[in-house]
Amino acid sequence: MDRTIQQKKIGSEKMQSMLFWLCWAAYFSTYLGRLNYSACLTEIIRVEGYEKGAAGFIGTAFFFSYGLGQLFSGILGDKKKPYKMIFVGVLGSGICNGVMGLSGSVWQMAVVWCVNGLFQSLIWSPIIKLFSNWIPTCSQKKFCVNINSSVPIGTFAAYGLTALIVWKFHWRTVFFFSSLCLAVISLVWFLGSRKIRKDVEENGILEDQVLVSRDKKQADASMFELVLVSGMIFFCFGLMFQGVLKDGVTTWIPTYIREEFHMESVISIISTTVIPVLNLSGVYLASIANRKIFKSETATSASFFVLCAAALILLRLYNGGSVITVLILFGLATTAMMAVNTMLVSMVPIYFAPYGKSSTASGILNSSAYAGGAVSAYGIGVLSERAGWDATILIWIVIALLGAAVCTAGKARWKRFLQNGI
């Protein structure tokens, strides 16, 4: 028999909007405090003389710690105060960015960026938990889709501001600027979230919510059981491939442009800003395709993996001299991966809210994506050095096709889970 609880939700549309924009700003700020290194990478290599593999190791340190931290923060988000976790994450990342600007060796930078990854891992899963806790059920999916717009806009801001600062100042100034931005946003979050909590307590509306379904077996379901029964294990592998093709590739695009087209570091960084502009469409293309065509998060994800593979095949075949064409193809590939991220990291965890596991599910899925990013941040640097960019792109194509295959393999199990639960 179903067990129903009553939970207070934000009744005012104004306060719902306030929560959304606070969460949007918090997650946007993480991109200023993480992609600034990727955007600076080509300039750091040029100025400091680091090898690409060594420079890529710093990015790998972040992705590894962020991915590992997601597992713990997901579990904590279901047990602790998510708004406190977000505050600590944003403020801690700001401090790490300031220290990064003072670091003087690869190993120092790797350690600092690793700690930065741990702090930033405290943000995403608690955001999903706040949406499932405080936003009325009818609006939760909309919020989870729209929050993803912070990713491409944050990426655009990180690359654009980095190019401007590197042009006028030193690459270290980028990290000092990001540190200041994160500190300000952490203060805004602290004040804003306190106001929202007070509103929920005083004016919140009660909404009946089915906590679990049918029997005690479902009430006591562990996350391990949910992962296996729902087919989430397939999503985890799919997101590993997505991490390689989104975060890993994005890390190295400015270096690819500089080496293949012999551009200055600043110009290669500026040229890359076209990609997040295209990526923004991936958030909404995924939602539209899922709602109107595929009606399945798994099928939608598989189709966008195929689109990514097609764009990369064209990139591999294209041997012309137009950097614009190359950037558009990179943009299409990463936009498709943004769509997959929207489906699997933002939409899927909401289905685990009735089991009290939305934050944990989000943490596991996001962790999988960044495991792929961790491998590729270092691996792409080494592979491109030893085998060249053509061979590297061929590997990306194979990875995209594998992503489509695993998402397709999980489709039937996910459908049964949505219909029948455990």
Protein backbone atom coordinates (compact mmCIF):
# COMPACT_ATOMS: atom_id res chain seq x y z
CA MET A 1 0.00 0.00 0.00
CA ASP A 2 1.24 3.51 -0.78
CA ARG A 3 2.55 5.59 2.10
CA THR A 4 1.76 9.29 1.71
CA ILE A 5 3.38 12.20 3.50
CA GLN A 6 2.65 15.88 3.48
CA GLN A 7 5.54 18.16 2.64
CA LYS A 8 5.69 21.93 2.57
CA LYS A 9 6.40 23.46 -0.84
CA ILE A 10 6.99 27.05 -1.91
CA GLY A 11 3.58 28.46 -2.77
CA SER A 12 4.56 31.83 -4.16
CA GLU A 13 5.70 31.92 -7.78
CA LYS A 14 7.96 34.83 -6.84
CA MET A 15 9.76 32.74 -4.22
CA GLN A 16 9.92 29.74 -6.56
CA SER A 17 11.57 32.00 -9.12
CA MET A 18 13.94 33.33 -6.47
CA LEU A 19 15.02 29.79 -5.55
CA PHE A 20 15.57 28.93 -9.20
CA TRP A 21 17.77 31.97 -9.87
CA LEU A 22 19.76 31.45 -6.69
CA CYS A 23 20.43 27.85 -7.73
CA TRP A 24 21.16 29.01 -11.29
CA ALA A 25 23.69 31.57 -10.04
CA ALA A 26 25.34 29.04 -7.71
CA TYR A 27 25.80 26.47 -10.47
CA PHE A 28 26.79 29.14 -13.01
CA SER A 29 29.53 30.27 -10.64
CA THR A 30 31.01 26.77 -10.51
CA TYR A 31 31.79 27.04 -14.22
CA LEU A 32 33.64 30.28 -13.65
CA GLY A 33 35.63 28.43 -10.99
CA ARG A 34 36.34 25.24 -12.93
CA LEU A 35 36.46 25.97 -16.67
CA ASN A 36 38.78 28.91 -16.12
CA TYR A 37 41.58 26.34 -15.96
CA SER A 38 40.48 24.69 -19.22
CA ALA A 39 40.22 28.10 -20.87
CA CYS A 40 43.69 29.05 -19.56
CA LEU A 41 45.23 25.72 -20.50
CA THR A 42 46.78 26.72 -23.81
CA GLU A 43 48.20 29.94 -22.28
CA ILE A 44 49.56 28.09 -19.22
CA ILE A 45 51.31 25.59 -21.50
CA ARG A 46 52.79 28.44 -23.53
CA VAL A 47 53.93 30.61 -20.60
CA GLU A 48 54.99 27.95 -18.10
CA GLY A 49 56.33 25.43 -20.61
CA TYR A 50 54.38 22.46 -19.20
CA GLU A 51 53.91 19.35 -21.35
CA LYS A 52 50.35 18.69 -22.47
CA GLY A 53 50.16 15.48 -20.46
CA ALA A 54 51.28 17.24 -17.28
CA ALA A 55 48.90 20.14 -17.83
CA GLY A 56 46.07 17.70 -18.54
CA PHE A 57 46.84 15.91 -15.26
CA ILE A 58 45.71 19.02 -13.37
CA GLY A 59 42.33 18.85 -15.10
CA THR A 60 42.16 15.13 -14.37
CA ALA A 61 42.76 15.85 -10.66
CA PHE A 62 39.68 18.08 -10.65
CA PHE A 63 37.44 15.65 -12.54
CA PHE A 64 38.54 12.72 -10.38
CA SER A 65 37.88 14.48 -7.08
CA TYR A 66 34.65 16.05 -8.36
CA GLY A 67 33.35 12.70 -9.57
CA LEU A 68 34.30 10.93 -6.33
CA GLY A 69 32.88 13.79 -4.28
CA GLN A 70 29.56 13.51 -6.14
CA LEU A 71 29.01 10.05 -4.69
CA PHE A 72 29.32 11.34 -1.13
CA SER A 73 27.52 14.64 -1.67
CA GLY A 74 24.61 12.82 -3.30
CA ILE A 75 24.14 10.70 -0.19
CA LEU A 76 24.67 13.69 2.11
CA GLY A 77 22.13 15.73 0.14
CA ASP A 78 19.42 13.22 1.07
CA LYS A 79 20.40 13.29 4.76
CA LYS A 80 21.75 16.79 5.56
CA LYS A 81 20.74 20.39 4.86
CA PRO A 82 21.28 20.86 1.10
CA TYR A 83 21.30 24.68 1.29
CA LYS A 84 24.25 24.54 3.72
CA MET A 85 26.16 22.22 1.42
CA ILE A 86 25.72 24.62 -1.49
CA PHE A 87 27.03 27.55 0.54
CA VAL A 88 30.12 25.62 1.67
CA GLY A 89 30.73 24.40 -1.88
CA VAL A 90 30.61 27.83 -3.53
CA LEU A 91 32.67 29.57 -0.84
CA GLY A 92 35.24 26.77 -0.70
CA SER A 93 35.65 26.83 -4.47
CA GLY A 94 36.25 30.57 -4.30
CA ILE A 95 39.05 30.08 -1.78
CA CYS A 96 40.63 27.35 -3.95
CA ASN A 97 40.59 29.63 -6.99
CA GLY A 98 42.46 32.29 -5.04
CA VAL A 99 45.09 29.75 -3.95
CA MET A 100 45.34 28.45 -7.53
CA GLY A 101 46.44 31.88 -8.69
CA LEU A 102 49.33 31.69 -6.21
CA SER A 103 50.45 28.14 -7.07
CA GLY A 104 53.81 27.71 -8.74
CA SER A 105 54.14 24.10 -9.91
CA VAL A 106 52.13 21.34 -11.59
CA TRP A 107 51.85 19.39 -8.33
CA GLN A 108 50.72 22.38 -6.30
CA MET A 109 48.10 23.24 -8.93
CA ALA A 110 46.94 19.62 -9.10
CA VAL A 111 46.42 19.44 -5.32
CA VAL A 112 44.54 22.76 -5.20
CA TRP A 113 42.37 21.84 -8.17
CA CYS A 114 41.64 18.46 -6.61
CA VAL A 115 40.35 20.19 -3.45
CA ASN A 116 38.37 22.56 -5.67
CA GLY A 117 36.67 19.53 -7.20
CA LEU A 118 35.65 18.29 -3.75
CA PHE A 119 34.09 21.63 -2.84
CA GLN A 120 32.27 21.92 -6.18
CA SER A 121 30.86 18.42 -5.78
CA LEU A 122 28.74 19.78 -2.90
CA ILE A 123 26.55 21.85 -5.20
CA TRP A 124 24.70 19.98 -7.98
CA SER A 125 23.02 17.11 -6.10
CA PRO A 126 21.75 19.40 -3.29
CA ILE A 127 20.24 21.66 -5.97
CA ILE A 128 18.24 18.70 -7.32
CA LYS A 129 17.24 17.84 -3.74
CA LEU A 130 16.00 21.40 -3.09
CA PHE A 131 13.88 21.25 -6.25
CA SER A 132 12.33 17.94 -5.19
CA ASN A 133 11.79 19.22 -1.62
CA TRP A 134 10.51 22.76 -2.17
CA ILE A 135 9.14 22.98 -5.73
CA PRO A 136 5.62 21.64 -6.44
CA THR A 137 5.72 18.36 -8.34
CA CYS A 138 4.09 19.83 -11.44
CA SER A 139 7.00 22.26 -11.92
CA GLN A 140 9.97 20.10 -10.95
CA LYS A 141 10.85 18.84 -14.44
CA LYS A 142 10.71 22.37 -15.84
CA PHE A 143 13.12 23.59 -13.16
CA CYS A 144 15.47 20.64 -13.74
CA VAL A 145 15.60 21.36 -17.47
CA ASN A 146 15.99 25.13 -17.16
CA ILE A 147 18.80 24.93 -14.58
CA ASN A 148 20.93 23.32 -17.29
CA SER A 149 21.06 26.65 -19.15
CA SER A 150 23.62 27.69 -16.52
CA VAL A 151 26.10 25.21 -18.03
CA PRO A 152 26.55 26.66 -21.54
CA ILE A 153 26.16 30.24 -20.29
CA GLY A 154 28.70 29.56 -17.55
CA THR A 155 31.01 28.00 -20.14
CA PHE A 156 30.65 31.02 -22.42
CA ALA A 157 31.35 33.39 -19.53
CA ALA A 158 34.37 31.38 -18.37
CA TYR A 159 35.99 31.31 -21.81
CA GLY A 160 35.03 34.88 -22.71
CA LEU A 161 36.26 36.42 -19.45
CA THR A 162 39.40 34.29 -19.53
CA ALA A 163 40.25 35.49 -23.04
CA LEU A 164 39.74 39.11 -21.99
CA ILE A 165 41.80 38.80 -18.82
CA VAL A 166 44.62 36.83 -20.48
CA TRP A 167 44.75 39.47 -23.21
CA LYS A 168 45.09 42.34 -20.72
CA PHE A 169 46.78 40.67 -17.74
CA HIS A 170 48.47 37.43 -16.64
CA TRP A 171 46.74 34.03 -16.61
CA ARG A 172 46.92 34.00 -12.79
CA THR A 173 44.61 37.03 -12.69
CA VAL A 174 41.85 34.79 -14.08
CA PHE A 175 41.80 32.77 -10.87
CA PHE A 176 41.81 35.82 -8.61
CA PHE A 177 38.83 37.23 -10.52
CA SER A 178 36.95 33.92 -10.30
CA SER A 179 37.69 33.76 -6.57
CA LEU A 180 36.06 37.15 -6.05
CA CYS A 181 32.97 36.17 -8.11
CA LEU A 182 32.46 32.94 -6.17
CA ALA A 183 32.84 34.71 -2.80
CA VAL A 184 30.17 37.27 -3.76
CA ILE A 185 27.76 34.59 -5.01
CA SER A 186 28.24 32.54 -1.82
CA LEU A 187 27.15 35.59 0.18
CA VAL A 188 24.13 36.12 -2.07
CA TRP A 189 23.23 32.44 -1.64
CA PHE A 190 23.53 32.63 2.15
CA LEU A 191 21.17 35.61 2.40
CA GLY A 192 18.73 34.44 -0.28
CA SER A 193 18.38 30.85 0.91
CA ARG A 194 17.72 32.08 4.46
CA LYS A 195 14.84 34.20 3.16
CA ILE A 196 13.38 31.26 1.23
CA ARG A 197 13.59 28.92 4.24
CA LYS A 198 11.68 31.44 6.31
CA ASP A 199 9.02 31.72 3.60
CA VAL A 200 8.60 27.93 3.40
CA GLU A 201 8.15 27.70 7.17
CA GLU A 202 5.64 30.55 7.36
CA ASN A 203 3.80 30.39 4.03
CA GLY A 204 4.59 26.99 2.53
CA ILE A 205 1.76 24.95 1.02
CA LEU A 206 1.25 21.30 1.94
CA GLU A 207 1.44 18.87 -0.94
CA ASP A 208 0.65 15.17 -0.65
CA GLN A 209 3.56 13.09 -1.88
CA VAL A 210 3.74 9.34 -2.32
CA LEU A 211 6.93 8.48 -0.49
CA VAL A 212 7.14 4.87 -1.65
CA SER A 213 4.89 2.53 -3.58
CA ARG A 214 3.08 -0.69 -2.91
CA ASP A 215 4.94 -2.56 -0.18
CA LYS A 216 7.67 -2.67 2.44
CA LYS A 217 10.13 -4.02 -0.14
CA GLN A 218 9.99 -0.71 -1.95
CA ALA A 219 10.05 1.28 1.26
CA ASP A 220 13.31 -0.41 2.23
CA ALA A 221 14.84 -0.38 -1.26
CA SER A 222 18.54 0.40 -1.26
CA MET A 223 20.17 2.61 -3.85
CA PHE A 224 22.04 -0.44 -5.12
CA GLU A 225 18.74 -2.21 -5.85
CA LEU A 226 17.34 0.89 -7.52
CA VAL A 227 20.42 1.21 -9.75
CA LEU A 228 20.10 -2.38 -10.94
CA VAL A 229 16.31 -2.59 -11.30
CA SER A 230 15.90 0.80 -13.01
CA GLY A 231 18.66 0.25 -15.53
CA MET A 232 20.58 3.21 -14.14
CA ILE A 233 23.75 1.14 -14.50
CA PHE A 234 23.43 1.66 -18.26
CA PHE A 235 23.05 5.41 -17.73
CA CYS A 236 26.24 5.42 -15.67
CA PHE A 237 28.24 3.94 -18.55
CA GLY A 238 26.52 6.27 -21.00
CA LEU A 239 27.47 9.27 -18.86
CA MET A 240 31.09 8.13 -18.69
CA PHE A 241 31.18 8.31 -22.48
CA GLN A 242 29.32 11.63 -22.35
CA GLY A 243 31.92 13.00 -19.94
CA VAL A 244 34.70 12.18 -22.38
CA LEU A 245 32.88 13.84 -25.26
CA LYS A 246 31.75 16.95 -23.42
CA ASP A 247 34.11 17.94 -20.62
CA GLY A 248 37.20 16.20 -21.95
CA VAL A 249 36.81 17.50 -25.48
CA THR A 250 35.88 21.01 -24.29
CA THR A 251 39.08 21.10 -22.22
CA TRP A 252 41.26 20.57 -25.28
CA ILE A 253 39.41 22.49 -28.02
CA PRO A 254 41.45 25.73 -27.60
CA THR A 255 44.70 23.71 -27.78
CA TYR A 256 43.43 21.87 -30.88
CA ILE A 257 42.56 25.17 -32.56
CA ARG A 258 45.93 26.70 -31.67
CA GLU A 259 47.92 23.71 -32.95
CA GLU A 260 45.92 22.94 -36.08
CA PHE A 261 45.41 26.54 -37.19
CA HIS A 262 48.54 28.11 -35.65
CA MET A 263 46.61 30.77 -33.75
CA GLU A 264 47.68 32.82 -30.77
CA SER A 265 46.44 31.57 -27.38
CA VAL A 266 44.02 34.47 -26.86
CA ILE A 267 42.50 34.06 -30.33
CA SER A 268 42.04 30.31 -29.87
CA ILE A 269 40.27 30.92 -26.54
CA ILE A 270 38.01 33.60 -28.03
CA SER A 271 37.12 31.42 -31.02
CA THR A 272 36.00 28.66 -28.66
CA THR A 273 33.29 30.85 -27.12
CA VAL A 274 31.03 30.07 -30.10
CA ILE A 275 30.66 26.51 -28.79
CA PRO A 276 28.74 27.21 -25.55
CA VAL A 277 26.41 29.50 -27.53
CA LEU A 278 25.47 26.44 -29.59
CA ASN A 279 25.40 24.22 -26.48
CA LEU A 280 22.59 26.27 -24.95
CA SER A 281 20.23 24.89 -27.58
CA GLY A 282 21.05 21.34 -26.46
CA VAL A 283 19.22 21.90 -23.17
CA TYR A 284 15.94 22.69 -24.88
CA LEU A 285 16.37 20.39 -27.91
CA ALA A 286 16.64 17.48 -25.48
CA SER A 287 13.48 18.48 -23.64
CA ILE A 288 11.50 19.00 -26.87
CA ALA A 289 12.75 15.76 -28.46
CA ASN A 290 11.93 13.78 -25.33
CA ARG A 291 8.47 15.30 -24.91
CA LYS A 292 7.32 15.25 -28.53
CA ILE A 293 9.26 12.45 -30.26
CA PHE A 294 10.97 9.80 -28.13
CA LYS A 295 9.05 10.05 -24.83
CA SER A 296 11.93 8.21 -23.16
CA GLU A 297 15.07 9.63 -21.57
CA THR A 298 17.07 6.64 -22.79
CA ALA A 299 15.93 6.82 -26.42
CA THR A 300 16.47 10.59 -26.48
CA SER A 301 20.00 10.16 -25.13
CA ALA A 302 20.84 7.42 -27.64
CA SER A 303 19.69 9.60 -30.54
CA PHE A 304 21.89 12.49 -29.44
CA PHE A 305 24.90 10.18 -29.10
CA VAL A 306 24.34 9.23 -32.76
CA LEU A 307 24.16 12.93 -33.68
CA CYS A 308 27.46 13.50 -31.85
CA ALA A 309 29.09 10.62 -33.76
CA ALA A 310 27.87 12.07 -37.07
CA ALA A 311 29.36 15.49 -36.27
CA LEU A 312 32.69 13.92 -35.30
CA ILE A 313 32.77 11.82 -38.49
CA LEU A 314 32.35 15.00 -40.52
CA LEU A 315 35.10 16.63 -38.45
CA ARG A 316 37.42 13.69 -39.16
CA LEU A 317 36.67 13.78 -42.89
CA TYR A 318 36.99 17.55 -43.12
CA ASN A 319 40.49 18.58 -44.09
CA GLY A 320 39.81 22.15 -45.20
CA GLY A 321 41.19 25.34 -43.75
CA SER A 322 38.08 26.89 -42.20
CA VAL A 323 38.25 27.21 -38.45
CA ILE A 324 34.58 28.27 -38.46
CA THR A 325 33.51 24.91 -39.90
CA VAL A 326 35.60 23.05 -37.35
CA LEU A 327 34.10 25.07 -34.49
CA ILE A 328 30.55 24.44 -35.75
CA LEU A 329 31.20 20.68 -35.87
CA PHE A 330 32.71 20.73 -32.39
CA GLY A 331 29.69 22.77 -31.33
CA LEU A 332 27.25 20.20 -32.72
CA ALA A 333 29.07 17.34 -31.02
CA THR A 334 29.20 19.02 -27.60
CA THR A 335 25.61 20.31 -27.98
CA ALA A 336 24.46 16.72 -28.43
CA MET A 337 26.34 15.81 -25.24
CA MET A 338 24.68 18.72 -23.44
CA ALA A 339 21.36 17.17 -24.44
CA VAL A 340 22.39 13.79 -23.00
CA ASN A 341 23.48 15.49 -19.79
CA THR A 342 20.10 17.21 -19.50
CA MET A 343 18.26 13.89 -19.86
CA LEU A 344 20.36 11.66 -17.65
CA VAL A 345 21.75 13.98 -14.96
CA SER A 346 18.86 16.42 -14.57
CA MET A 347 15.68 14.54 -15.50
CA VAL A 348 16.32 10.98 -14.33
CA PRO A 349 17.03 11.73 -10.60
CA ILE A 350 13.57 13.24 -10.11
CA TYR A 351 12.04 9.77 -10.66
CA PHE A 352 13.82 8.59 -7.51
CA ALA A 353 12.26 11.27 -5.28
CA PRO A 354 9.41 8.95 -4.11
CA TYR A 355 12.10 6.63 -2.71
CA GLY A 356 13.85 9.53 -0.95
CA LYS A 357 16.88 9.07 -3.19
CA SER A 358 16.82 11.96 -5.69
CA SER A 359 20.07 13.52 -4.44
CA THR A 360 21.85 10.16 -4.23
CA ALA A 361 20.77 9.27 -7.77
CA SER A 362 21.95 12.65 -9.01
CA GLY A 363 25.30 12.19 -7.29
CA ILE A 364 25.86 8.75 -8.83
CA LEU A 365 24.98 9.91 -12.33
CA ASN A 366 27.00 13.12 -12.16
CA SER A 367 29.92 11.16 -10.73
CA SER A 368 29.84 8.86 -13.74
CA ALA A 369 29.98 11.79 -16.15
CA TYR A 370 33.00 13.27 -14.43
CA ALA A 371 34.75 9.91 -14.28
CA GLY A 372 34.77 10.10 -18.07
CA GLY A 373 35.97 13.70 -17.92
CA ALA A 374 38.78 12.71 -15.54
CA VAL A 375 40.11 10.03 -17.87
CA SER A 376 39.89 12.21 -20.96
CA ALA A 377 41.40 15.41 -19.54
CA TYR A 378 44.72 13.58 -19.18
CA GLY A 379 44.18 10.92 -21.85
CA ILE A 380 43.37 13.31 -24.70
CA GLY A 381 46.53 15.31 -23.99
CA VAL A 382 48.73 12.20 -24.08
CA LEU A 383 46.92 10.63 -27.05
CA SER A 384 47.09 13.79 -29.16
CA GLU A 385 50.82 14.12 -28.41
CA ARG A 386 51.65 10.54 -29.35
CA ALA A 387 49.13 9.65 -32.06
CA GLY A 388 47.96 13.03 -33.39
CA TRP A 389 44.54 14.65 -33.52
CA ASP A 390 43.18 12.49 -36.37
CA ALA A 391 43.56 9.31 -34.32
CA THR A 392 42.12 11.08 -31.28
CA ILE A 393 38.98 12.06 -33.20
CA LEU A 394 38.52 8.45 -34.38
CA ILE A 395 38.53 7.35 -30.73
CA TRP A 396 35.87 9.98 -29.97
CA ILE A 397 33.65 8.58 -32.74
CA VAL A 398 33.87 5.06 -31.31
CA ILE A 399 33.03 6.39 -27.82
CA ALA A 400 29.94 8.21 -29.15
CA LEU A 401 28.67 5.01 -30.78
CA LEU A 402 29.27 3.07 -27.56
CA GLY A 403 27.23 5.69 -25.72
CA ALA A 404 24.31 5.18 -28.11
CA ALA A 405 24.57 1.42 -27.63
CA VAL A 406 24.46 1.42 -23.81
CA CYS A 407 21.56 3.88 -23.67
CA THR A 408 19.60 1.69 -26.08
CA ALA A 409 20.42 -1.39 -23.98
CA GLY A 410 18.89 0.24 -20.88
CA LYS A 411 15.67 1.39 -22.53
CA ALA A 412 13.46 -1.64 -21.74
CA ARG A 413 14.53 -1.87 -18.10
CA TRP A 414 13.95 1.87 -17.53
CA LYS A 415 10.46 1.60 -19.04
CA ARG A 416 9.55 -1.30 -16.72
CA PHE A 417 10.86 0.62 -13.70
CA LEU A 418 8.73 3.68 -14.51
CA GLN A 419 5.64 1.49 -14.91
CA ASN A 420 6.10 -0.94 -12.04
CA GLY A 421 8.75 0.38 -9.65
CA ILE A 422 10.78 -2.28 -7.84
